[in-house]
Amino acid sequence: MVGIALTYTTIGIDARQITVECDGTAALFQVNIVGMASSAVKESKDRIFAALKNSGYDSAPKRYTINLAPADIKKDSASLDLPIAIAVLQSNKVIKISDYRKIGIIGELSLDGNVRPVSGVLPIAIAAKRDNIDTLIVPYENAEEAAIIEGLNVIPVTTLHECADWISGQISIPFATVDRDKIFQVLNDFPLDMNDVKGQYQVKRALEVAAAGGHNLLMIGPPGSGKTMLARRVPTILPEMNLDEALEATKIHSVAGMSKHFRNGILTTRPFRSPHHTISDIALIGGGAFPKPGEVSLSHRGVLFLDELPEFKRAVLEVLRQPLEDGIVTISRAATSLTFPAEFMLIASMNPCPCGYHGANIPNHNCTCEWGAIQRYRNRISGPLLDRIDIHVEVPTVTYADLASLPTGDKSIDIRTRVNKARAIQRERFAETGIYNNSQMNSKMLRKYCILNDASHALLQNAIDKMGYSARVFDRILKVARTIADLEGNKDISPEHISEAIQYRTLDRKYWS
């Protein structure tokens, strides 16, 4: 008898259905797993049959052939353990599935028959709903993550025996449930607030503009000026995540095996990723023999913070060009090509020089760096990458008066209210275009939505001629000016908006010429 079970494997951030077939023939004990299984899956046979034996399912020796179809898809996941074991039990007539086409099974087995949690459960649950699967059997620890998907019956199991008994109808297991309304009550619940940062009003304004238009931002200032503190509070002023965005971001973290850290199995706040400057290009962009998402994809719909930007390897920084420009990452291998989403807001920080105190005018902290060393330090960031960062802002040292004062300035919720209003204008503006904020405008959209009057033209032309900005910087200035106008609720871009946008590019001339 052939035992059959349905399961799923993840490819990139999506899941594909796999049919597990098992045929047992009386002979000396032997197990062959076919169907383009990786070496990791083939090695699982010893674990699976040890789990079967230790769960009390001991039978006469047989020659088992286990087929994983379709055969043209590479399978590399321990989540195939449980469905293979169930298919083996069916082939031995221990259990019977009334309609295997309506039940999906995933889970890793331990030697004693316990079911361990696996990664990629959310994309698997989404795929199961798409494929009209009624019931999905998952490890107990993954149940809440799968139950997020409405219309899918999720059965949490802790052991192989429990799974087999439920399939054969010997026991009843309640469906896993989550309170979606309760989840959204804590959605975007932050322990931090922009009001915690004393002083730095100009930088807070720049961050508000960046959040309103989805612009990338670079902060330059001496150590201790609050760059990291400010960056960590950026998610608190970004628009609230809706369910679609939360599911999209959680899918990526689920494939990366990080969803176990989330409350209720879903990412409830915009991601904030802050990799160390020693990170490799593959860890940042994603990849591997079986490509997994990197930090840029884990930052999708959130913030990627690169502290001490010049300390990152040049090759690592250069791989940021595609995601910053296109919002996706394409990873090509000999057998396949995968695309990961990577629409994130880049916040970067750096010192003005190797010692960090050039131009800071701080007593007992005079800059001792030679000009050549300063130039080499700053030139670690290429011009093309710098052009893709819309806003550059200086972060001065905080004065004693600011430090000694009570918290002042707008709270994050107040800033977010203004950001939401600006984003609403942009959503209406771009409703038919497929984009959702000003930073994503192309050249055609710039000509349509960034019309300048004579005074604004003259001001921008003077800045371009004197500062030698590139064509890309010209576009960035227009995008930022459009966002500033949206924050004020103005349809037209005035010279004041252009002037403020140019102010956020003066670091090009001051630091990089």
Protein backbone atom coordinates (compact mmCIF):
# COMPACT_ATOMS: atom_id res chain seq x y z
CA MET A 1 0.00 0.00 0.00
CA VAL A 2 1.19 3.50 -0.84
CA GLY A 3 0.89 6.07 1.93
CA ILE A 4 0.34 9.70 0.86
CA ALA A 5 0.58 12.96 2.81
CA LEU A 6 0.66 16.61 1.76
CA THR A 7 3.23 19.02 3.08
CA TYR A 8 5.01 22.23 2.07
CA THR A 9 8.51 23.53 1.53
CA THR A 10 9.59 27.16 1.37
CA ILE A 11 11.28 28.63 -1.69
CA GLY A 12 12.42 32.15 -0.96
CA ILE A 13 9.57 33.64 1.08
CA ASP A 14 6.85 31.58 -0.58
CA ALA A 15 5.79 27.97 -0.08
CA ARG A 16 5.14 25.15 -2.56
CA GLN A 17 3.01 22.09 -1.96
CA ILE A 18 4.85 18.75 -1.77
CA THR A 19 3.24 15.32 -2.02
CA VAL A 20 4.96 12.68 0.10
CA GLU A 21 4.48 9.12 -1.18
CA CYS A 22 5.75 6.05 0.67
CA ASP A 23 5.81 2.48 -0.59
CA GLY A 24 6.93 -0.40 1.66
CA THR A 25 7.97 -3.78 0.28
CA ALA A 26 8.83 -6.84 2.35
CA ALA A 27 12.61 -7.08 2.29
CA LEU A 28 15.66 -6.20 4.32
CA PHE A 29 15.29 -2.82 5.97
CA GLN A 30 16.27 0.00 3.62
CA VAL A 31 15.10 3.57 3.08
CA ASN A 32 15.48 5.50 -0.17
CA ILE A 33 14.29 9.11 -0.41
CA VAL A 34 13.92 10.37 -3.98
CA GLY A 35 12.56 13.54 -5.56
CA MET A 36 15.42 16.06 -5.51
CA ALA A 37 15.84 15.90 -1.73
CA SER A 38 18.87 17.63 -0.24
CA SER A 39 21.43 15.67 1.76
CA ALA A 40 19.87 17.10 4.95
CA VAL A 41 16.47 15.60 4.02
CA LYS A 42 18.00 12.26 3.06
CA GLU A 43 19.81 12.08 6.38
CA SER A 44 16.49 12.57 8.19
CA LYS A 45 15.51 8.94 7.53
CA ASP A 46 17.43 7.74 10.60
CA ARG A 47 15.74 10.37 12.76
CA ILE A 48 12.28 9.58 11.37
CA PHE A 49 12.47 5.82 11.89
CA ALA A 50 13.96 6.25 15.35
CA ALA A 51 10.99 8.50 16.20
CA LEU A 52 8.58 5.88 14.82
CA LYS A 53 10.17 3.12 16.89
CA ASN A 54 10.29 5.20 20.09
CA SER A 55 6.64 6.19 19.57
CA GLY A 56 5.63 2.53 19.65
CA TYR A 57 5.29 1.99 15.89
CA ASP A 58 7.64 -0.95 15.38
CA SER A 59 6.98 -3.19 12.39
CA ALA A 60 8.57 -5.87 10.26
CA PRO A 61 11.62 -4.77 8.22
CA LYS A 62 10.76 -3.37 4.81
CA ARG A 63 12.34 -1.66 1.88
CA TYR A 64 10.82 1.85 1.89
CA THR A 65 10.81 4.11 -1.14
CA ILE A 66 9.79 7.67 -0.26
CA ASN A 67 9.03 10.00 -3.13
CA LEU A 68 8.81 13.80 -2.76
CA ALA A 69 6.85 15.24 -5.67
CA PRO A 70 7.17 17.31 -7.76
CA ALA A 71 10.67 16.08 -8.45
CA ASP A 72 11.92 19.31 -10.03
CA ILE A 73 11.77 21.30 -6.76
CA LYS A 74 14.70 21.16 -4.36
CA LYS A 75 13.60 20.14 -0.85
CA ASP A 76 15.68 21.25 2.09
CA SER A 77 13.68 21.39 5.31
CA ALA A 78 13.35 19.39 8.51
CA SER A 79 9.61 20.19 8.37
CA LEU A 80 9.25 17.16 6.08
CA ASP A 81 9.93 14.75 8.99
CA LEU A 82 6.38 14.54 10.30
CA PRO A 83 4.60 14.11 6.92
CA ILE A 84 7.11 11.41 5.92
CA ALA A 85 6.46 9.57 9.17
CA ILE A 86 2.69 9.81 8.61
CA ALA A 87 3.09 8.47 5.05
CA VAL A 88 5.12 5.54 6.43
CA LEU A 89 2.37 4.75 8.94
CA GLN A 90 -0.19 4.80 6.14
CA SER A 91 1.85 2.46 3.98
CA ASN A 92 2.00 0.05 6.96
CA LYS A 93 -1.81 0.37 7.38
CA VAL A 94 -1.40 1.71 10.93
CA ILE A 95 -3.48 4.81 10.17
CA LYS A 96 -5.68 6.01 7.34
CA ILE A 97 -6.33 9.55 6.14
CA SER A 98 -9.88 9.87 4.84
CA ASP A 99 -8.95 12.66 2.39
CA TYR A 100 -5.25 13.52 2.32
CA ARG A 101 -5.92 16.33 -0.18
CA LYS A 102 -7.53 18.45 2.56
CA ILE A 103 -4.83 18.06 5.24
CA GLY A 104 -1.36 19.62 5.26
CA ILE A 105 1.30 18.41 7.70
CA ILE A 106 4.57 20.05 8.77
CA GLY A 107 6.94 19.42 11.66
CA GLU A 108 10.41 18.27 12.64
CA LEU A 109 10.80 15.11 14.73
CA SER A 110 13.13 14.39 17.59
CA LEU A 111 14.42 10.87 18.24
CA ASP A 112 11.84 10.27 20.97
CA GLY A 113 8.92 11.23 18.71
CA ASN A 114 8.35 14.78 19.94
CA VAL A 115 7.49 17.42 17.33
CA ARG A 116 9.81 20.40 17.17
CA PRO A 117 8.96 23.88 15.79
CA VAL A 118 10.04 24.79 12.27
CA SER A 119 10.60 28.01 10.33
CA GLY A 120 8.51 29.36 7.47
CA VAL A 121 5.11 28.47 8.98
CA LEU A 122 3.34 31.69 7.95
CA PRO A 123 4.10 31.41 4.21
CA ILE A 124 3.14 27.73 4.46
CA ALA A 125 -0.20 28.63 6.05
CA ILE A 126 -0.82 31.25 3.35
CA ALA A 127 -0.03 28.69 0.65
CA ALA A 128 -2.26 26.08 2.31
CA LYS A 129 -5.19 28.51 2.29
CA ARG A 130 -4.47 29.29 -1.36
CA ASP A 131 -4.48 25.56 -2.22
CA ASN A 132 -7.85 25.01 -0.50
CA ILE A 133 -6.35 22.96 2.34
CA ASP A 134 -8.91 22.71 5.15
CA THR A 135 -6.61 21.68 8.01
CA LEU A 136 -2.95 22.29 8.71
CA ILE A 137 -1.16 20.20 11.33
CA VAL A 138 1.75 22.14 12.84
CA PRO A 139 4.06 21.95 15.87
CA TYR A 140 2.45 23.36 19.00
CA GLU A 141 4.94 26.27 19.15
CA ASN A 142 4.01 27.37 15.60
CA ALA A 143 0.23 27.22 16.08
CA GLU A 144 -0.41 30.93 16.74
CA GLU A 145 1.63 31.95 13.71
CA ALA A 146 -0.40 29.68 11.41
CA ALA A 147 -3.72 30.61 13.05
CA ILE A 148 -3.30 34.22 11.90
CA ILE A 149 -4.65 33.09 8.51
CA GLU A 150 -8.43 33.17 8.56
CA GLY A 151 -10.37 30.22 7.20
CA LEU A 152 -7.67 27.65 7.98
CA ASN A 153 -8.13 25.03 10.71
CA VAL A 154 -4.84 24.72 12.60
CA ILE A 155 -4.15 21.59 14.67
CA PRO A 156 -1.25 21.99 17.15
CA VAL A 157 0.56 18.73 17.98
CA THR A 158 3.39 17.93 20.37
CA THR A 159 4.22 14.33 19.42
CA LEU A 160 4.09 12.00 16.45
CA HIS A 161 1.70 9.74 18.35
CA GLU A 162 -0.67 12.66 18.98
CA CYS A 163 -0.64 13.55 15.29
CA ALA A 164 -1.35 9.95 14.22
CA ASP A 165 -4.13 9.56 16.79
CA TRP A 166 -5.86 12.75 15.61
CA ILE A 167 -5.66 11.66 11.96
CA SER A 168 -7.14 8.26 12.80
CA GLY A 169 -9.92 9.91 14.83
CA GLN A 170 -8.91 8.48 18.22
CA ILE A 171 -8.51 11.87 19.91
CA SER A 172 -9.86 15.38 19.49
CA ILE A 173 -7.61 18.46 19.46
CA PRO A 174 -9.08 21.99 19.60
CA PHE A 175 -8.20 24.27 16.70
CA ALA A 176 -5.61 26.92 17.50
CA THR A 177 -7.06 30.43 17.62
CA VAL A 178 -5.77 33.98 17.96
CA ASP A 179 -7.63 37.16 18.79
CA ARG A 180 -6.88 39.38 15.79
CA ASP A 181 -8.56 42.40 17.38
CA LYS A 182 -6.34 42.03 20.43
CA ILE A 183 -3.27 41.76 18.22
CA PHE A 184 -4.03 45.11 16.63
CA GLN A 185 -4.56 46.69 20.02
CA VAL A 186 -0.84 46.20 20.67
CA LEU A 187 0.20 46.78 17.06
CA ASN A 188 2.79 49.57 16.94
CA ASP A 189 3.15 49.60 20.74
CA PHE A 190 6.59 51.13 21.38
CA PRO A 191 8.51 51.52 24.64
CA LEU A 192 10.46 54.43 23.10
CA ASP A 193 9.34 57.96 22.25
CA MET A 194 10.86 60.80 20.26
CA ASN A 195 10.11 63.05 23.23
CA ASP A 196 12.85 61.19 25.15
CA VAL A 197 15.50 62.92 23.02
CA LYS A 198 16.47 66.31 24.43
CA GLY A 199 17.32 69.06 22.00
CA GLN A 200 18.19 68.14 18.39
CA TYR A 201 15.07 69.86 17.02
CA GLN A 202 16.51 70.25 13.51
CA VAL A 203 17.36 66.55 13.35
CA LYS A 204 13.89 65.61 14.59
CA ARG A 205 12.42 67.76 11.83
CA ALA A 206 14.59 66.00 9.26
CA LEU A 207 13.47 62.62 10.59
CA GLU A 208 9.84 63.72 10.35
CA VAL A 209 10.34 64.71 6.71
CA ALA A 210 12.11 61.42 6.03
CA ALA A 211 9.29 59.40 7.64
CA ALA A 212 6.60 61.36 5.79
CA GLY A 213 8.08 60.63 2.37
CA GLY A 214 9.91 57.35 2.99
CA HIS A 215 13.27 59.05 2.39
CA ASN A 216 16.67 57.65 3.34
CA LEU A 217 18.66 59.74 5.82
CA LEU A 218 22.29 60.13 6.92
CA MET A 219 23.23 61.69 10.28
CA ILE A 220 26.72 63.11 10.77
CA GLY A 221 27.88 64.10 14.21
CA PRO A 222 30.39 63.48 17.02
CA PRO A 223 30.11 60.53 19.44
CA GLY A 224 27.45 60.97 22.10
CA SER A 225 25.34 63.44 20.13
CA GLY A 226 22.35 61.06 20.07
CA LYS A 227 22.49 59.59 16.54
CA THR A 228 21.67 56.04 17.61
CA MET A 229 19.06 57.21 20.11
CA LEU A 230 17.30 59.16 17.36
CA ALA A 231 17.50 56.30 14.85
CA ARG A 232 15.93 53.80 17.25
CA ARG A 233 12.90 56.06 17.57
CA VAL A 234 12.22 56.36 13.85
CA PRO A 235 9.78 53.38 13.79
CA THR A 236 7.68 55.21 16.41
CA ILE A 237 6.86 58.00 13.94
CA LEU A 238 6.30 55.85 10.86
CA PRO A 239 2.69 55.11 9.80
CA GLU A 240 0.96 52.23 11.55
CA MET A 241 1.31 48.80 9.99
CA ASN A 242 -1.84 47.30 8.54
CA LEU A 243 -2.51 43.55 8.53
CA ASP A 244 -1.21 43.06 5.00
CA GLU A 245 2.08 44.79 5.82
CA ALA A 246 2.38 42.83 9.07
CA LEU A 247 1.86 39.52 7.27
CA GLU A 248 4.29 40.50 4.53
CA ALA A 249 7.03 41.38 7.03
CA THR A 250 6.30 38.35 9.21
CA LYS A 251 6.62 36.01 6.21
CA ILE A 252 10.22 37.12 5.75
CA HIS A 253 11.07 36.73 9.44
CA SER A 254 9.31 33.36 9.52
CA VAL A 255 11.44 31.99 6.68
CA ALA A 256 14.52 33.28 8.54
CA GLY A 257 13.39 31.42 11.69
CA MET A 258 12.74 34.57 13.75
CA SER A 259 8.95 34.48 14.18
CA LYS A 260 9.19 32.67 17.52
CA HIS A 261 10.20 35.97 19.12
CA PHE A 262 6.93 37.69 18.15
CA ARG A 263 3.87 38.07 20.32
CA ASN A 264 0.92 36.10 18.92
CA GLY A 265 3.12 34.82 16.11
CA ILE A 266 3.07 38.06 14.10
CA LEU A 267 5.33 41.09 13.79
CA THR A 268 3.36 43.87 15.48
CA THR A 269 5.79 46.79 15.03
CA ARG A 270 7.76 47.96 12.04
CA PRO A 271 11.05 46.06 11.94
CA PHE A 272 14.22 47.85 13.04
CA ARG A 273 17.42 46.10 12.02
CA SER A 274 20.85 47.32 13.10
CA PRO A 275 23.59 44.99 11.80
CA HIS A 276 27.17 45.35 13.03
CA HIS A 277 29.68 46.91 10.65
CA THR A 278 31.54 43.58 10.35
CA ILE A 279 28.58 42.03 8.48
CA SER A 280 29.28 40.29 5.17
CA ASP A 281 27.62 41.21 1.89
CA ILE A 282 25.69 37.89 1.82
CA ALA A 283 24.38 38.43 5.37
CA LEU A 284 23.27 41.93 4.41
CA ILE A 285 21.70 41.22 1.03
CA GLY A 286 20.75 37.55 1.48
CA GLY A 287 21.94 34.39 -0.20
CA GLY A 288 23.47 31.03 0.56
CA ALA A 289 23.21 27.64 -1.16
CA PHE A 290 19.48 27.74 -0.38
CA PRO A 291 18.95 31.52 -0.49
CA LYS A 292 17.62 33.08 2.68
CA PRO A 293 16.66 36.73 3.24
CA GLY A 294 19.33 39.08 4.51
CA GLU A 295 19.15 42.17 6.70
CA VAL A 296 17.77 44.37 3.92
CA SER A 297 14.79 42.03 3.50
CA LEU A 298 14.34 41.61 7.25
CA SER A 299 14.01 45.42 7.29
CA HIS A 300 11.17 45.31 4.74
CA ARG A 301 8.42 47.79 5.68
CA GLY A 302 10.67 49.10 8.46
CA VAL A 303 14.07 50.65 9.12
CA LEU A 304 17.60 49.50 8.34
CA PHE A 305 20.03 51.37 10.59
CA LEU A 306 23.71 51.32 9.65
CA ASP A 307 25.71 52.82 12.50
CA GLU A 308 29.25 54.01 11.75
CA LEU A 309 28.61 53.79 8.01
CA PRO A 310 32.24 54.25 6.85
CA GLU A 311 33.29 51.25 8.97
CA PHE A 312 31.32 48.89 6.73
CA LYS A 313 33.32 47.21 3.97
CA ARG A 314 33.07 49.01 0.64
CA ALA A 315 31.79 45.88 -1.14
CA VAL A 316 29.07 45.45 1.50
CA LEU A 317 27.80 49.01 1.04
CA GLU A 318 27.76 48.73 -2.73
CA VAL A 319 25.29 45.82 -2.69
CA LEU A 320 22.74 48.25 -1.22
CA ARG A 321 22.32 49.96 -4.58
CA GLN A 322 19.69 47.60 -6.03
CA PRO A 323 17.39 47.45 -3.00
CA LEU A 324 17.65 51.22 -2.45
CA GLU A 325 16.72 51.85 -6.07
CA ASP A 326 14.26 49.03 -6.83
CA GLY A 327 12.95 47.86 -3.44
CA ILE A 328 13.83 44.24 -4.21
CA VAL A 329 16.79 41.90 -4.00
CA THR A 330 17.39 39.35 -6.75
CA ILE A 331 19.61 36.38 -5.90
CA SER A 332 20.61 34.13 -8.79
CA ARG A 333 21.87 30.58 -8.48
CA ALA A 334 22.57 27.95 -11.13
CA ALA A 335 19.24 26.20 -10.53
CA THR A 336 16.99 29.14 -9.71
CA SER A 337 16.62 32.88 -9.25
CA LEU A 338 14.78 34.26 -6.22
CA THR A 339 13.50 37.75 -5.50
CA PHE A 340 13.08 39.04 -1.95
CA PRO A 341 11.21 42.26 -1.12
CA ALA A 342 13.37 44.99 0.40
CA GLU A 343 11.40 48.22 0.71
CA PHE A 344 12.98 49.78 3.76
CA MET A 345 13.92 53.19 5.06
CA LEU A 346 17.70 53.51 5.39
CA ILE A 347 18.95 55.48 8.38
CA ALA A 348 22.72 55.76 8.59
CA SER A 349 25.08 57.55 10.93
CA MET A 350 28.74 58.43 10.92
CA ASN A 351 31.36 60.60 12.59
CA PRO A 352 32.78 63.58 10.68
CA CYS A 353 36.29 62.13 10.96
CA PRO A 354 38.12 59.04 12.35
CA CYS A 355 38.35 60.48 15.87
CA GLY A 356 34.81 61.84 15.62
CA TYR A 357 35.36 65.44 16.74
CA HIS A 358 36.19 67.38 13.57
CA GLY A 359 34.37 70.71 13.75
CA ALA A 360 32.61 69.77 16.99
CA ASN A 361 34.21 72.52 19.14
CA ILE A 362 34.03 70.41 22.28
CA PRO A 363 36.49 71.27 25.10
CA ASN A 364 39.13 68.58 25.70
CA HIS A 365 38.09 66.85 22.46
CA ASN A 366 40.07 68.64 19.78
CA CYS A 367 40.29 66.81 16.46
CA THR A 368 43.82 65.50 15.84
CA CYS A 369 43.09 63.85 12.47
CA GLU A 370 45.16 64.86 9.47
CA TRP A 371 43.19 66.12 6.49
CA GLY A 372 44.28 63.17 4.36
CA ALA A 373 43.00 60.71 6.97
CA ILE A 374 39.70 62.60 7.13
CA GLN A 375 39.32 62.43 3.36
CA ARG A 376 40.11 58.72 3.24
CA TYR A 377 37.58 58.11 6.01
CA ARG A 378 34.83 60.00 4.20
CA ASN A 379 35.65 58.51 0.80
CA ARG A 380 34.81 55.05 2.12
CA ILE A 381 31.26 55.94 1.12
CA SER A 382 30.94 56.08 -2.65
CA GLY A 383 29.27 58.99 -4.42
CA PRO A 384 26.58 56.81 -6.06
CA LEU A 385 25.56 55.41 -2.66
CA LEU A 386 25.55 58.89 -1.11
CA ASP A 387 23.35 60.13 -3.97
CA ARG A 388 20.75 57.50 -3.04
CA ILE A 389 20.43 58.94 0.47
CA ASP A 390 17.89 61.72 0.19
CA ILE A 391 18.61 63.65 3.39
CA HIS A 392 21.92 64.47 5.08
CA VAL A 393 21.74 66.24 8.43
CA GLU A 394 24.27 67.34 11.01
CA VAL A 395 23.76 66.19 14.59
CA PRO A 396 25.49 68.70 16.90
CA THR A 397 26.60 68.02 20.45
CA VAL A 398 23.78 68.42 22.95
CA THR A 399 24.23 71.45 25.22
CA TYR A 400 24.06 71.30 29.01
CA ALA A 401 20.90 73.41 28.97
CA ASP A 402 19.16 70.76 26.85
CA LEU A 403 20.46 67.89 28.97
CA ALA A 404 19.33 69.54 32.22
CA SER A 405 15.89 70.43 30.91
CA LEU A 406 12.72 68.39 31.10
CA PRO A 407 11.71 66.48 27.94
CA THR A 408 10.49 68.94 25.34
CA GLY A 409 9.27 68.76 21.79
CA ASP A 410 6.53 66.73 20.17
CA LYS A 411 5.82 63.18 21.21
CA SER A 412 6.06 60.39 18.67
CA ILE A 413 2.29 60.12 18.42
CA ASP A 414 2.03 63.81 17.48
CA ILE A 415 4.73 63.49 14.82
CA ARG A 416 3.12 60.30 13.53
CA THR A 417 -0.21 62.12 13.16
CA ARG A 418 1.42 64.64 10.83
CA VAL A 419 3.26 61.88 8.99
CA ASN A 420 0.01 59.98 8.50
CA LYS A 421 -1.67 63.06 7.01
CA ALA A 422 1.20 63.52 4.56
CA ARG A 423 1.14 59.81 3.67
CA ALA A 424 -2.62 60.00 3.08
CA ILE A 425 -2.03 62.79 0.53
CA GLN A 426 0.58 60.61 -1.18
CA ARG A 427 -1.65 57.52 -1.24
CA GLU A 428 -4.37 59.54 -2.96
CA ARG A 429 -1.86 61.05 -5.37
CA PHE A 430 -0.33 57.71 -6.35
CA ALA A 431 -3.50 55.60 -6.14
CA GLU A 432 -3.23 54.54 -9.79
CA THR A 433 0.54 54.20 -10.02
CA GLY A 434 1.46 51.25 -7.78
CA ILE A 435 3.68 53.27 -5.42
CA TYR A 436 2.78 54.78 -2.08
CA ASN A 437 5.27 57.52 -1.12
CA ASN A 438 7.26 60.37 -2.64
CA SER A 439 10.63 58.66 -2.45
CA GLN A 440 9.46 56.11 -5.05
CA MET A 441 8.62 58.66 -7.75
CA ASN A 442 10.27 58.19 -11.14
CA SER A 443 11.26 60.95 -13.56
CA LYS A 444 7.86 61.03 -15.24
CA MET A 445 6.12 61.44 -11.89
CA LEU A 446 8.53 64.17 -10.84
CA ARG A 447 7.57 66.20 -13.90
CA LYS A 448 3.89 65.69 -13.13
CA TYR A 449 3.79 66.20 -9.37
CA CYS A 450 6.75 68.52 -8.71
CA ILE A 451 5.90 71.55 -10.85
CA LEU A 452 7.94 74.59 -9.79
CA ASN A 453 7.18 78.29 -10.22
CA ASP A 454 9.80 80.74 -11.49
CA ALA A 455 11.14 81.60 -8.02
CA SER A 456 11.57 77.96 -7.09
CA HIS A 457 13.25 77.22 -10.43
CA ALA A 458 15.72 80.08 -9.93
CA LEU A 459 16.56 78.96 -6.40
CA LEU A 460 17.12 75.34 -7.41
CA GLN A 461 19.16 76.27 -10.49
CA ASN A 462 21.43 78.47 -8.38
CA ALA A 463 22.00 75.62 -5.91
CA ILE A 464 22.71 73.06 -8.64
CA ASP A 465 25.17 75.35 -10.46
CA LYS A 466 27.07 76.42 -7.36
CA MET A 467 27.22 73.08 -5.53
CA GLY A 468 27.70 70.83 -8.53
CA TYR A 469 24.97 68.35 -7.60
CA SER A 470 24.39 65.32 -9.83
CA ALA A 471 21.17 64.64 -11.72
CA ARG A 472 20.21 62.10 -9.08
CA VAL A 473 20.63 64.71 -6.32
CA PHE A 474 18.42 67.07 -8.34
CA ASP A 475 15.67 64.42 -8.26
CA ARG A 476 16.19 63.86 -4.52
CA ILE A 477 15.77 67.55 -3.78
CA LEU A 478 12.49 67.64 -5.70
CA LYS A 479 11.19 64.55 -3.86
CA VAL A 480 12.07 65.96 -0.45
CA ALA A 481 10.54 69.35 -1.34
CA ARG A 482 7.35 67.57 -2.41
CA THR A 483 7.23 65.83 0.99
CA ILE A 484 7.77 69.09 2.89
CA ALA A 485 4.87 70.63 0.97
CA ASP A 486 2.70 67.60 1.78
CA LEU A 487 3.48 67.99 5.50
CA GLU A 488 2.13 71.52 5.28
CA GLY A 489 -0.85 70.42 3.20
CA ASN A 490 0.22 72.55 0.23
CA LYS A 491 -0.50 71.46 -3.33
CA ASP A 492 2.26 73.64 -4.79
CA ILE A 493 5.98 73.56 -4.02
CA SER A 494 7.14 76.97 -2.85
CA PRO A 495 10.69 78.40 -2.62
CA GLU A 496 10.60 77.75 1.15
CA HIS A 497 10.12 74.04 0.51
CA ILE A 498 12.96 73.99 -2.01
CA SER A 499 15.19 75.90 0.41
CA GLU A 500 14.62 73.40 3.22
CA ALA A 501 15.20 70.47 0.86
CA ILE A 502 18.50 71.99 -0.31
CA GLN A 503 19.50 72.47 3.31
CA TYR A 504 19.37 68.70 3.71
CA ARG A 505 21.96 68.35 0.90
CA THR A 506 24.52 70.92 2.05
CA LEU A 507 26.63 68.13 3.53
CA ASP A 508 27.47 67.11 -0.04
CA ARG A 509 29.43 70.32 -0.47
CA LYS A 510 30.65 70.75 3.10
CA TYR A 511 31.92 67.24 3.69
CA TRP A 512 32.48 65.60 0.34
CA SER A 513 33.89 68.19 -2.05
